[in-house]
Amino acid sequence: MRCPTCGGKIVVKDTRKAGDEVLRKRQCLTCGAKVYTYEAIDDTDYVRRRLIKIHERELKKRVISKGIKKS
């Protein structure tokens, strides 16, 4: 990450959990400017893919069980 003030390199000085987010305190090695970032995982796509996978698995079980009952 680069400093928005001078373009120098920024290092992480402190990391804390703030609810579902992570707060990172960063400082520029060149000018000493402090930058705070909040990072959160956008897991909406993950949840959607997981639900689709679960539903597909359940549908496969139903198809197999219907075939077994008929025979």
Protein backbone atom coordinates (compact mmCIF):
# COMPACT_ATOMS: atom_id res chain seq x y z
CA MET A 1 0.00 0.00 0.00
CA ARG A 2 1.19 3.50 -0.80
CA CYS A 3 0.79 6.69 1.23
CA PRO A 4 -1.96 8.97 -0.14
CA THR A 5 0.08 12.02 0.92
CA CYS A 6 3.57 11.36 -0.45
CA GLY A 7 3.36 7.98 -2.23
CA GLY A 8 5.79 6.34 0.22
CA LYS A 9 5.51 2.83 1.62
CA ILE A 10 3.00 2.25 4.43
CA VAL A 11 3.41 -0.37 7.16
CA VAL A 12 0.81 -1.78 9.57
CA LYS A 13 1.37 -0.54 13.14
CA ASP A 14 -1.71 -2.04 14.86
CA THR A 15 -4.54 -4.43 14.00
CA ARG A 16 -7.77 -4.72 15.98
CA LYS A 17 -11.07 -6.47 15.49
CA ALA A 18 -14.01 -4.04 15.46
CA GLY A 19 -17.21 -6.09 15.27
CA ASP A 20 -17.25 -7.89 11.92
CA GLU A 21 -14.51 -5.64 10.57
CA VAL A 22 -10.78 -5.35 11.11
CA LEU A 23 -9.28 -1.94 11.93
CA ARG A 24 -5.71 -1.48 10.75
CA LYS A 25 -3.61 1.49 11.82
CA ARG A 26 -0.94 2.17 9.21
CA GLN A 27 1.92 4.66 9.07
CA CYS A 28 4.01 5.97 6.19
CA LEU A 29 7.74 5.28 6.52
CA THR A 30 8.61 8.42 4.53
CA CYS A 31 6.44 11.25 5.89
CA GLY A 32 4.96 9.63 9.01
CA ALA A 33 1.32 10.17 7.97
CA LYS A 34 -1.17 7.89 9.71
CA VAL A 35 -3.85 6.05 7.77
CA TYR A 36 -6.69 4.02 9.25
CA THR A 37 -8.42 1.33 7.21
CA TYR A 38 -11.46 -0.80 7.95
CA GLU A 39 -11.50 -4.16 6.22
CA ALA A 40 -14.50 -6.44 5.97
CA ILE A 41 -15.10 -9.64 4.08
CA ASP A 42 -17.87 -9.45 1.51
CA ASP A 43 -19.16 -12.98 1.90
CA THR A 44 -22.49 -12.54 0.12
CA ASP A 45 -21.18 -14.35 -2.96
CA TYR A 46 -19.76 -17.14 -0.79
CA VAL A 47 -23.09 -17.62 1.00
CA ARG A 48 -24.98 -17.69 -2.31
CA ARG A 49 -22.64 -20.31 -3.80
CA ARG A 50 -22.84 -22.40 -0.63
CA LEU A 51 -26.65 -22.37 -0.64
CA ILE A 52 -26.76 -23.38 -4.30
CA LYS A 53 -24.38 -26.27 -3.59
CA ILE A 54 -26.53 -27.47 -0.66
CA HIS A 55 -29.72 -27.30 -2.73
CA GLU A 56 -28.13 -29.22 -5.61
CA ARG A 57 -27.00 -31.94 -3.21
CA GLU A 58 -30.51 -32.23 -1.74
CA LEU A 59 -32.08 -32.44 -5.21
CA LYS A 60 -29.72 -35.29 -6.16
CA LYS A 61 -30.75 -37.19 -3.01
CA ARG A 62 -34.43 -36.77 -3.90
CA VAL A 63 -33.96 -38.07 -7.44
CA ILE A 64 -32.10 -41.15 -6.20
CA SER A 65 -34.63 -41.89 -3.45
CA LYS A 66 -37.58 -41.61 -5.90
CA GLY A 67 -35.87 -44.11 -8.19
CA ILE A 68 -35.35 -46.56 -5.35
CA LYS A 69 -39.00 -46.34 -4.22
CA LYS A 70 -40.29 -47.09 -7.74
CA SER A 71 -38.24 -50.28 -8.13
